[in-house]
Amino acid sequence: WQVSVNGNYSQNQITSSSTVLPGGVQELEYVNVQGVYHLSAHMTHGFPLGDQKNGNASISLHAQYGHDISLINGQQNIAVNTGVGGSANVNFHAKDILFINASAGIEQGLNRL
């Protein structure tokens, strides 16, 4: 088994601040904001296939969450990104002449402003 949990929090994150001026001109500057953070977790289980000399397999699950901030016309724009997924991996090797590896994964993400 392998399990990991990661996170970060940015104090004074530099982000874009966009303002639309008369005539359709866009003014862009970079400012510091508070409250940007990201979290993730990952879990994997590996196991042998029959005789461990001939192959092994693993199953993994993971999830992430992100909270990002930008400014548009002076208003805070918060983007929340979430996602979950999983994967499976199988490999087989016969002596030193053949190695076969197969893997599959699936991801589901959601972004909202």
C-alpha atoms as a PDB file:
ATOM      1  CA  TRP A   1       0.000   0.000   0.000  1.00  0.00           C
ATOM      2  CA  GLN A   2       1.106   3.522  -0.699  1.00  0.00           C
ATOM      3  CA  VAL A   3      -0.865   6.541   0.538  1.00  0.00           C
ATOM      4  CA  SER A   4      -0.015  10.219   0.121  1.00  0.00           C
ATOM      5  CA  VAL A   5      -1.812  13.446   1.007  1.00  0.00           C
ATOM      6  CA  ASN A   6      -0.501  16.777  -0.265  1.00  0.00           C
ATOM      7  CA  GLY A   7      -1.554  20.367   0.130  1.00  0.00           C
ATOM      8  CA  ASN A   8      -0.350  23.906  -0.366  1.00  0.00           C
ATOM      9  CA  TYR A   9      -1.482  27.372   0.613  1.00  0.00           C
ATOM     10  CA  SER A  10      -0.136  30.478  -1.103  1.00  0.00           C
ATOM     11  CA  GLN A  11       0.191  33.650   0.909  1.00  0.00           C
ATOM     12  CA  ASN A  12       0.319  36.729  -1.362  1.00  0.00           C
ATOM     13  CA  GLN A  13      -0.297  34.719  -4.554  1.00  0.00           C
ATOM     14  CA  ILE A  14       0.373  36.832  -7.655  1.00  0.00           C
ATOM     15  CA  THR A  15      -2.637  36.719  -9.992  1.00  0.00           C
ATOM     16  CA  SER A  16      -4.053  38.697 -12.899  1.00  0.00           C
ATOM     17  CA  SER A  17      -6.438  41.611 -12.474  1.00  0.00           C
ATOM     18  CA  SER A  18      -8.280  42.504 -15.663  1.00  0.00           C
ATOM     19  CA  THR A  19     -10.285  45.715 -16.178  1.00  0.00           C
ATOM     20  CA  VAL A  20     -12.279  46.565 -19.313  1.00  0.00           C
ATOM     21  CA  LEU A  21     -11.955  50.285 -20.090  1.00  0.00           C
ATOM     22  CA  PRO A  22     -14.209  52.430 -22.322  1.00  0.00           C
ATOM     23  CA  GLY A  23     -13.759  51.594 -26.004  1.00  0.00           C
ATOM     24  CA  GLY A  24     -13.211  47.889 -25.256  1.00  0.00           C
ATOM     25  CA  VAL A  25      -9.596  48.311 -24.134  1.00  0.00           C
ATOM     26  CA  GLN A  26      -8.519  45.714 -21.584  1.00  0.00           C
ATOM     27  CA  GLU A  27      -6.064  46.743 -18.866  1.00  0.00           C
ATOM     28  CA  LEU A  28      -4.141  43.918 -17.238  1.00  0.00           C
ATOM     29  CA  GLU A  29      -2.055  44.117 -14.082  1.00  0.00           C
ATOM     30  CA  TYR A  30      -0.796  41.610 -11.539  1.00  0.00           C
ATOM     31  CA  VAL A  31      -1.767  41.824  -7.871  1.00  0.00           C
ATOM     32  CA  ASN A  32      -1.370  39.791  -4.662  1.00  0.00           C
ATOM     33  CA  VAL A  33      -4.383  37.853  -3.341  1.00  0.00           C
ATOM     34  CA  GLN A  34      -5.003  35.679  -0.274  1.00  0.00           C
ATOM     35  CA  GLY A  35      -6.796  32.316  -0.110  1.00  0.00           C
ATOM     36  CA  VAL A  36      -5.284  30.247  -2.938  1.00  0.00           C
ATOM     37  CA  TYR A  37      -4.850  26.595  -1.962  1.00  0.00           C
ATOM     38  CA  HIS A  38      -4.758  23.069  -3.405  1.00  0.00           C
ATOM     39  CA  LEU A  39      -5.256  19.619  -1.837  1.00  0.00           C
ATOM     40  CA  SER A  40      -4.693  16.136  -3.258  1.00  0.00           C
ATOM     41  CA  ALA A  41      -4.734  12.521  -2.079  1.00  0.00           C
ATOM     42  CA  HIS A  42      -3.431   9.375  -3.755  1.00  0.00           C
ATOM     43  CA  MET A  43      -3.708   5.690  -2.776  1.00  0.00           C
ATOM     44  CA  THR A  44      -2.155   2.680  -4.552  1.00  0.00           C
ATOM     45  CA  HIS A  45      -2.304  -1.032  -3.816  1.00  0.00           C
ATOM     46  CA  GLY A  46       0.232  -3.261  -5.568  1.00  0.00           C
ATOM     47  CA  PHE A  47       0.140  -7.061  -5.552  1.00  0.00           C
ATOM     48  CA  PRO A  48       1.812  -9.995  -7.309  1.00  0.00           C
ATOM     49  CA  LEU A  49       0.163 -12.006 -10.072  1.00  0.00           C
ATOM     50  CA  GLY A  50       0.707 -15.639  -9.191  1.00  0.00           C
ATOM     51  CA  ASP A  51       4.459 -16.095  -8.854  1.00  0.00           C
ATOM     52  CA  GLN A  52       5.898 -12.618  -8.256  1.00  0.00           C
ATOM     53  CA  LYS A  53       8.764 -13.408 -10.645  1.00  0.00           C
ATOM     54  CA  ASN A  54       6.350 -13.335 -13.577  1.00  0.00           C
ATOM     55  CA  GLY A  55       4.332 -10.184 -12.998  1.00  0.00           C
ATOM     56  CA  ASN A  56       2.428  -7.836 -10.755  1.00  0.00           C
ATOM     57  CA  ALA A  57      -0.487  -5.440 -10.758  1.00  0.00           C
ATOM     58  CA  SER A  58      -1.625  -2.272  -9.041  1.00  0.00           C
ATOM     59  CA  ILE A  59      -4.817  -0.308  -8.521  1.00  0.00           C
ATOM     60  CA  SER A  60      -4.741   3.436  -7.782  1.00  0.00           C
ATOM     61  CA  LEU A  61      -7.293   6.039  -6.701  1.00  0.00           C
ATOM     62  CA  HIS A  62      -6.743   9.780  -6.477  1.00  0.00           C
ATOM     63  CA  ALA A  63      -8.614  13.012  -5.830  1.00  0.00           C
ATOM     64  CA  GLN A  64      -7.781  16.723  -5.955  1.00  0.00           C
ATOM     65  CA  TYR A  65      -9.319  20.056  -5.000  1.00  0.00           C
ATOM     66  CA  GLY A  66      -8.138  23.509  -6.041  1.00  0.00           C
ATOM     67  CA  HIS A  67      -9.241  27.022  -5.001  1.00  0.00           C
ATOM     68  CA  ASP A  68      -7.817  29.783  -7.255  1.00  0.00           C
ATOM     69  CA  ILE A  69      -8.527  33.521  -7.353  1.00  0.00           C
ATOM     70  CA  SER A  70      -8.336  36.173 -10.081  1.00  0.00           C
ATOM     71  CA  LEU A  71      -9.864  39.662 -10.408  1.00  0.00           C
ATOM     72  CA  ILE A  72     -12.147  40.900 -13.205  1.00  0.00           C
ATOM     73  CA  ASN A  73     -13.294  44.539 -13.133  1.00  0.00           C
ATOM     74  CA  GLY A  74     -12.357  44.725  -9.441  1.00  0.00           C
ATOM     75  CA  GLN A  75     -14.509  41.721  -8.510  1.00  0.00           C
ATOM     76  CA  GLN A  76     -12.963  38.562  -7.085  1.00  0.00           C
ATOM     77  CA  ASN A  77     -13.363  35.569  -9.410  1.00  0.00           C
ATOM     78  CA  ILE A  78     -12.984  32.249  -7.555  1.00  0.00           C
ATOM     79  CA  ALA A  79     -12.351  29.098  -9.589  1.00  0.00           C
ATOM     80  CA  VAL A  80     -12.913  25.771  -7.837  1.00  0.00           C
ATOM     81  CA  ASN A  81     -11.440  22.708  -9.535  1.00  0.00           C
ATOM     82  CA  THR A  82     -12.199  19.197  -8.320  1.00  0.00           C
ATOM     83  CA  GLY A  83     -11.366  15.823  -9.741  1.00  0.00           C
ATOM     84  CA  VAL A  84     -11.293  12.118  -8.977  1.00  0.00           C
ATOM     85  CA  GLY A  85      -9.868   9.206 -10.875  1.00  0.00           C
ATOM     86  CA  GLY A  86      -8.392   5.792 -10.810  1.00  0.00           C
ATOM     87  CA  SER A  87      -6.117   3.501 -12.744  1.00  0.00           C
ATOM     88  CA  ALA A  88      -5.129  -0.136 -13.029  1.00  0.00           C
ATOM     89  CA  ASN A  89      -1.803  -1.500 -14.205  1.00  0.00           C
ATOM     90  CA  VAL A  90      -0.806  -5.098 -14.997  1.00  0.00           C
ATOM     91  CA  ASN A  91       2.533  -6.366 -16.230  1.00  0.00           C
ATOM     92  CA  PHE A  92       3.815  -9.792 -17.132  1.00  0.00           C
ATOM     93  CA  HIS A  93       7.331 -10.871 -17.980  1.00  0.00           C
ATOM     94  CA  ALA A  94       8.409 -14.297 -19.157  1.00  0.00           C
ATOM     95  CA  LYS A  95      12.069 -14.772 -18.332  1.00  0.00           C
ATOM     96  CA  ASP A  96      14.219 -12.095 -19.996  1.00  0.00           C
ATOM     97  CA  ILE A  97      12.700 -12.146 -23.481  1.00  0.00           C
ATOM     98  CA  LEU A  98       9.122 -10.856 -23.130  1.00  0.00           C
ATOM     99  CA  PHE A  99       7.628  -8.003 -21.121  1.00  0.00           C
ATOM    100  CA  ILE A 100       3.954  -7.041 -21.471  1.00  0.00           C
ATOM    101  CA  ASN A 101       2.420  -4.049 -19.698  1.00  0.00           C
ATOM    102  CA  ALA A 102      -1.227  -2.937 -19.823  1.00  0.00           C
ATOM    103  CA  SER A 103      -2.759   0.029 -18.078  1.00  0.00           C
ATOM    104  CA  ALA A 104      -6.099   1.838 -18.014  1.00  0.00           C
ATOM    105  CA  GLY A 105      -7.303   4.961 -16.277  1.00  0.00           C
ATOM    106  CA  ILE A 106     -10.367   7.103 -15.819  1.00  0.00           C
ATOM    107  CA  GLU A 107     -10.660  10.761 -14.759  1.00  0.00           C
ATOM    108  CA  GLN A 108     -13.625  12.916 -13.796  1.00  0.00           C
ATOM    109  CA  GLY A 109     -13.104  16.637 -13.321  1.00  0.00           C
ATOM    110  CA  LEU A 110     -15.351  19.582 -12.497  1.00  0.00           C
ATOM    111  CA  ASN A 111     -14.402  23.237 -12.837  1.00  0.00           C
ATOM    112  CA  ARG A 112     -16.711  25.993 -11.684  1.00  0.00           C
ATOM    113  CA  LEU A 113     -16.352  29.729 -11.361  1.00  0.00           C
END
